[in-house]
């Protein structure tokens, strides 16, 4: 059982770290754990052979690895946008393409939003100056920065 539980312990420690854990690493770690470390082996003992499928099913259920909306999960989006993990080599091909498709949708929406902001700003130049915008919280600012970076970077890579 230690052969099965040791990789799970390592991944749990990595994901539970108080510092330096990146959202882009969560799904690749879990995917590798499910596809490689918990894969069925011919030389597994009966107890281990019974335990591995249950553990894979529990991880699949918790992280929604096989669900259609997994590609739109923020951690999967972070994986696609992170230069270190963007090849998504561990993802199944369907998730890989769906994740890139989701990022393209986000980029299109961000580009349309930016275009609307610039188009709306030009029409009001003759009128009074625009009102100051309220400060956004750090999460909103980070998301806007990530989406803006995606608008710039994904056409370069894809």
C-alpha atoms as a PDB file:
ATOM      1  CA  UNK A   1       0.000   0.000   0.000  1.00  0.00           C
ATOM      2  CA  UNK A   2       2.927   2.353   0.573  1.00  0.00           C
ATOM      3  CA  UNK A   3       3.692   2.267  -3.150  1.00  0.00           C
ATOM      4  CA  UNK A   4       0.203   3.636  -3.823  1.00  0.00           C
ATOM      5  CA  UNK A   5      -0.008   6.071  -0.929  1.00  0.00           C
ATOM      6  CA  UNK A   6       3.452   7.625  -1.266  1.00  0.00           C
ATOM      7  CA  UNK A   7       2.734   9.475  -4.558  1.00  0.00           C
ATOM      8  CA  UNK A   8      -0.599  10.592  -3.092  1.00  0.00           C
ATOM      9  CA  UNK A   9       1.206  11.937  -0.029  1.00  0.00           C
ATOM     10  CA  UNK A  10       3.711  13.841  -2.186  1.00  0.00           C
ATOM     11  CA  UNK A  11       0.979  15.436  -4.310  1.00  0.00           C
ATOM     12  CA  UNK A  12      -1.018  16.298  -1.187  1.00  0.00           C
ATOM     13  CA  UNK A  13       2.011  17.962   0.395  1.00  0.00           C
ATOM     14  CA  UNK A  14       2.694  19.944  -2.775  1.00  0.00           C
ATOM     15  CA  UNK A  15      -0.898  21.102  -3.072  1.00  0.00           C
ATOM     16  CA  UNK A  16      -1.155  21.934   0.642  1.00  0.00           C
ATOM     17  CA  UNK A  17       1.941  24.108   0.758  1.00  0.00           C
ATOM     18  CA  UNK A  18       1.361  27.513   2.302  1.00  0.00           C
ATOM     19  CA  UNK A  19       3.604  29.205  -0.222  1.00  0.00           C
ATOM     20  CA  UNK A  20       4.719  28.657  -3.798  1.00  0.00           C
ATOM     21  CA  UNK A  21       1.861  26.469  -4.999  1.00  0.00           C
ATOM     22  CA  UNK A  22       0.607  27.619  -8.358  1.00  0.00           C
ATOM     23  CA  UNK A  23      -2.911  27.035  -9.621  1.00  0.00           C
ATOM     24  CA  UNK A  24      -1.450  25.913 -12.942  1.00  0.00           C
ATOM     25  CA  UNK A  25       0.141  22.880 -11.248  1.00  0.00           C
ATOM     26  CA  UNK A  26      -2.976  21.437  -9.590  1.00  0.00           C
ATOM     27  CA  UNK A  27      -4.564  19.684 -12.567  1.00  0.00           C
ATOM     28  CA  UNK A  28      -1.294  18.415 -14.073  1.00  0.00           C
ATOM     29  CA  UNK A  29      -0.338  16.907 -10.689  1.00  0.00           C
ATOM     30  CA  UNK A  30      -3.712  15.236 -10.236  1.00  0.00           C
ATOM     31  CA  UNK A  31      -3.806  14.060 -13.849  1.00  0.00           C
ATOM     32  CA  UNK A  32      -0.362  12.485 -13.549  1.00  0.00           C
ATOM     33  CA  UNK A  33      -1.344  10.866 -10.292  1.00  0.00           C
ATOM     34  CA  UNK A  34      -4.464   9.339 -11.848  1.00  0.00           C
ATOM     35  CA  UNK A  35      -2.970   8.307 -15.208  1.00  0.00           C
ATOM     36  CA  UNK A  36       0.517   7.168 -14.196  1.00  0.00           C
ATOM     37  CA  UNK A  37       0.873   6.483 -10.493  1.00  0.00           C
ATOM     38  CA  UNK A  38      -2.552   4.879 -10.050  1.00  0.00           C
ATOM     39  CA  UNK A  39      -2.594   3.049 -13.381  1.00  0.00           C
ATOM     40  CA  UNK A  40      -3.348  -0.653 -13.242  1.00  0.00           C
ATOM     41  CA  UNK A  41      -0.281  -2.873 -13.274  1.00  0.00           C
ATOM     42  CA  UNK A  42      -0.167  -6.587 -13.937  1.00  0.00           C
ATOM     43  CA  UNK A  43       2.024  -7.198 -10.899  1.00  0.00           C
ATOM     44  CA  UNK A  44      -0.258  -5.383  -8.407  1.00  0.00           C
ATOM     45  CA  UNK A  45      -1.402  -7.350  -5.405  1.00  0.00           C
ATOM     46  CA  UNK A  46      -5.127  -7.997  -5.138  1.00  0.00           C
ATOM     47  CA  UNK A  47      -5.590  -5.379  -2.392  1.00  0.00           C
ATOM     48  CA  UNK A  48      -3.799  -2.727  -4.420  1.00  0.00           C
ATOM     49  CA  UNK A  49      -5.645  -3.706  -7.592  1.00  0.00           C
ATOM     50  CA  UNK A  50      -8.932  -3.174  -5.720  1.00  0.00           C
ATOM     51  CA  UNK A  51      -7.811   0.100  -4.112  1.00  0.00           C
ATOM     52  CA  UNK A  52      -6.459   1.920  -7.191  1.00  0.00           C
ATOM     53  CA  UNK A  53      -9.752   2.153  -9.132  1.00  0.00           C
ATOM     54  CA  UNK A  54     -11.564   3.461  -6.059  1.00  0.00           C
ATOM     55  CA  UNK A  55      -8.907   6.107  -5.485  1.00  0.00           C
ATOM     56  CA  UNK A  56      -8.914   7.096  -9.188  1.00  0.00           C
ATOM     57  CA  UNK A  57     -12.712   7.405  -9.078  1.00  0.00           C
ATOM     58  CA  UNK A  58     -12.563   9.542  -5.929  1.00  0.00           C
ATOM     59  CA  UNK A  59      -9.974  11.872  -7.485  1.00  0.00           C
ATOM     60  CA  UNK A  60     -11.974  12.050 -10.718  1.00  0.00           C
ATOM     61  CA  UNK A  61     -15.090  12.919  -8.746  1.00  0.00           C
ATOM     62  CA  UNK A  62     -13.353  15.546  -6.592  1.00  0.00           C
ATOM     63  CA  UNK A  63     -11.522  17.288  -9.442  1.00  0.00           C
ATOM     64  CA  UNK A  64     -14.133  16.601 -12.171  1.00  0.00           C
ATOM     65  CA  UNK A  65     -11.398  15.339 -14.493  1.00  0.00           C
ATOM     66  CA  UNK A  66     -13.745  13.599 -16.902  1.00  0.00           C
ATOM     67  CA  UNK A  67     -16.586  16.118 -16.817  1.00  0.00           C
ATOM     68  CA  UNK A  68     -17.289  18.302 -19.842  1.00  0.00           C
ATOM     69  CA  UNK A  69     -16.924  21.555 -17.892  1.00  0.00           C
ATOM     70  CA  UNK A  70     -13.446  20.715 -16.548  1.00  0.00           C
ATOM     71  CA  UNK A  71     -11.925  22.768 -19.389  1.00  0.00           C
ATOM     72  CA  UNK A  72     -13.497  25.938 -17.994  1.00  0.00           C
ATOM     73  CA  UNK A  73     -12.190  25.425 -14.454  1.00  0.00           C
ATOM     74  CA  UNK A  74      -9.917  28.326 -13.416  1.00  0.00           C
ATOM     75  CA  UNK A  75      -7.064  25.935 -12.559  1.00  0.00           C
ATOM     76  CA  UNK A  76      -7.192  24.394 -16.045  1.00  0.00           C
ATOM     77  CA  UNK A  77      -7.242  27.901 -17.553  1.00  0.00           C
ATOM     78  CA  UNK A  78      -4.208  28.773 -15.429  1.00  0.00           C
ATOM     79  CA  UNK A  79      -2.478  25.626 -16.696  1.00  0.00           C
ATOM     80  CA  UNK A  80      -3.084  26.669 -20.315  1.00  0.00           C
ATOM     81  CA  UNK A  81      -1.801  30.199 -19.698  1.00  0.00           C
ATOM     82  CA  UNK A  82       1.288  29.295 -17.640  1.00  0.00           C
ATOM     83  CA  UNK A  83       4.352  29.007 -19.915  1.00  0.00           C
ATOM     84  CA  UNK A  84       5.704  26.144 -17.808  1.00  0.00           C
ATOM     85  CA  UNK A  85       2.572  23.999 -18.123  1.00  0.00           C
ATOM     86  CA  UNK A  86       0.856  25.240 -21.292  1.00  0.00           C
ATOM     87  CA  UNK A  87       1.697  22.178 -23.429  1.00  0.00           C
ATOM     88  CA  UNK A  88      -0.742  20.249 -21.183  1.00  0.00           C
ATOM     89  CA  UNK A  89       1.102  17.036 -22.041  1.00  0.00           C
ATOM     90  CA  UNK A  90      -0.585  15.106 -19.239  1.00  0.00           C
ATOM     91  CA  UNK A  91      -4.138  16.101 -20.184  1.00  0.00           C
ATOM     92  CA  UNK A  92      -6.268  13.866 -22.379  1.00  0.00           C
ATOM     93  CA  UNK A  93      -6.476  15.277 -25.891  1.00  0.00           C
ATOM     94  CA  UNK A  94     -10.149  16.213 -25.511  1.00  0.00           C
ATOM     95  CA  UNK A  95      -9.466  18.254 -22.351  1.00  0.00           C
ATOM     96  CA  UNK A  96      -6.418  19.826 -23.966  1.00  0.00           C
ATOM     97  CA  UNK A  97      -8.394  21.130 -26.966  1.00  0.00           C
ATOM     98  CA  UNK A  98     -11.404  22.126 -24.878  1.00  0.00           C
ATOM     99  CA  UNK A  99      -9.163  24.109 -22.495  1.00  0.00           C
ATOM    100  CA  UNK A 100      -7.537  26.011 -25.360  1.00  0.00           C
ATOM    101  CA  UNK A 101     -10.992  26.619 -26.840  1.00  0.00           C
ATOM    102  CA  UNK A 102     -12.162  28.055 -23.514  1.00  0.00           C
ATOM    103  CA  UNK A 103      -9.143  30.377 -23.377  1.00  0.00           C
ATOM    104  CA  UNK A 104      -9.907  31.548 -26.933  1.00  0.00           C
ATOM    105  CA  UNK A 105     -13.481  32.343 -25.853  1.00  0.00           C
ATOM    106  CA  UNK A 106     -12.145  34.298 -22.869  1.00  0.00           C
ATOM    107  CA  UNK A 107      -9.758  36.187 -25.152  1.00  0.00           C
ATOM    108  CA  UNK A 108     -12.534  37.072 -27.572  1.00  0.00           C
ATOM    109  CA  UNK A 109     -14.691  38.340 -24.726  1.00  0.00           C
ATOM    110  CA  UNK A 110     -11.795  40.355 -23.294  1.00  0.00           C
ATOM    111  CA  UNK A 111     -10.979  41.817 -26.710  1.00  0.00           C
ATOM    112  CA  UNK A 112     -14.617  42.773 -27.244  1.00  0.00           C
ATOM    113  CA  UNK A 113     -14.743  44.361 -23.803  1.00  0.00           C
ATOM    114  CA  UNK A 114     -11.565  46.342 -24.437  1.00  0.00           C
ATOM    115  CA  UNK A 115     -12.874  47.405 -27.841  1.00  0.00           C
ATOM    116  CA  UNK A 116     -16.157  48.537 -26.286  1.00  0.00           C
ATOM    117  CA  UNK A 117     -14.283  50.553 -23.662  1.00  0.00           C
ATOM    118  CA  UNK A 118     -12.138  52.326 -26.264  1.00  0.00           C
ATOM    119  CA  UNK A 119     -15.073  52.893 -28.633  1.00  0.00           C
ATOM    120  CA  UNK A 120     -17.201  54.315 -25.836  1.00  0.00           C
ATOM    121  CA  UNK A 121     -14.388  56.589 -24.641  1.00  0.00           C
ATOM    122  CA  UNK A 122     -13.875  58.265 -28.042  1.00  0.00           C
ATOM    123  CA  UNK A 123     -17.492  59.378 -28.353  1.00  0.00           C
ATOM    124  CA  UNK A 124     -17.521  61.273 -25.063  1.00  0.00           C
ATOM    125  CA  UNK A 125     -14.350  63.347 -25.593  1.00  0.00           C
ATOM    126  CA  UNK A 126     -16.337  66.472 -26.473  1.00  0.00           C
ATOM    127  CA  UNK A 127     -18.434  66.127 -23.316  1.00  0.00           C
ATOM    128  CA  UNK A 128     -17.271  66.409 -19.743  1.00  0.00           C
ATOM    129  CA  UNK A 129     -14.327  64.276 -18.616  1.00  0.00           C
ATOM    130  CA  UNK A 130     -15.223  60.729 -17.633  1.00  0.00           C
ATOM    131  CA  UNK A 131     -15.853  59.950 -14.007  1.00  0.00           C
ATOM    132  CA  UNK A 132     -13.117  58.159 -12.128  1.00  0.00           C
ATOM    133  CA  UNK A 133     -13.559  54.416 -11.963  1.00  0.00           C
ATOM    134  CA  UNK A 134     -13.722  52.718  -8.609  1.00  0.00           C
ATOM    135  CA  UNK A 135     -10.696  50.675  -7.638  1.00  0.00           C
ATOM    136  CA  UNK A 136     -11.058  46.971  -8.283  1.00  0.00           C
ATOM    137  CA  UNK A 137     -10.151  44.375  -5.731  1.00  0.00           C
ATOM    138  CA  UNK A 138      -6.912  42.452  -6.261  1.00  0.00           C
ATOM    139  CA  UNK A 139      -8.652  39.280  -7.517  1.00  0.00           C
ATOM    140  CA  UNK A 140     -10.525  41.187 -10.222  1.00  0.00           C
ATOM    141  CA  UNK A 141      -7.391  43.051 -11.230  1.00  0.00           C
ATOM    142  CA  UNK A 142      -5.431  39.779 -11.414  1.00  0.00           C
ATOM    143  CA  UNK A 143      -8.120  38.131 -13.532  1.00  0.00           C
ATOM    144  CA  UNK A 144      -8.250  41.119 -15.895  1.00  0.00           C
ATOM    145  CA  UNK A 145      -4.448  41.043 -16.202  1.00  0.00           C
ATOM    146  CA  UNK A 146      -4.493  37.286 -16.884  1.00  0.00           C
ATOM    147  CA  UNK A 147      -7.168  37.600 -19.559  1.00  0.00           C
ATOM    148  CA  UNK A 148      -5.375  40.568 -21.159  1.00  0.00           C
ATOM    149  CA  UNK A 149      -2.139  38.573 -21.200  1.00  0.00           C
ATOM    150  CA  UNK A 150      -3.998  35.678 -22.778  1.00  0.00           C
ATOM    151  CA  UNK A 151      -5.324  37.977 -25.501  1.00  0.00           C
ATOM    152  CA  UNK A 152      -1.746  38.858 -26.345  1.00  0.00           C
ATOM    153  CA  UNK A 153      -0.026  35.489 -25.859  1.00  0.00           C
ATOM    154  CA  UNK A 154      -2.375  32.823 -27.214  1.00  0.00           C
ATOM    155  CA  UNK A 155      -2.296  34.088 -30.837  1.00  0.00           C
ATOM    156  CA  UNK A 156       1.499  33.874 -30.594  1.00  0.00           C
ATOM    157  CA  UNK A 157       1.454  30.237 -29.462  1.00  0.00           C
ATOM    158  CA  UNK A 158      -1.503  28.926 -31.272  1.00  0.00           C
END
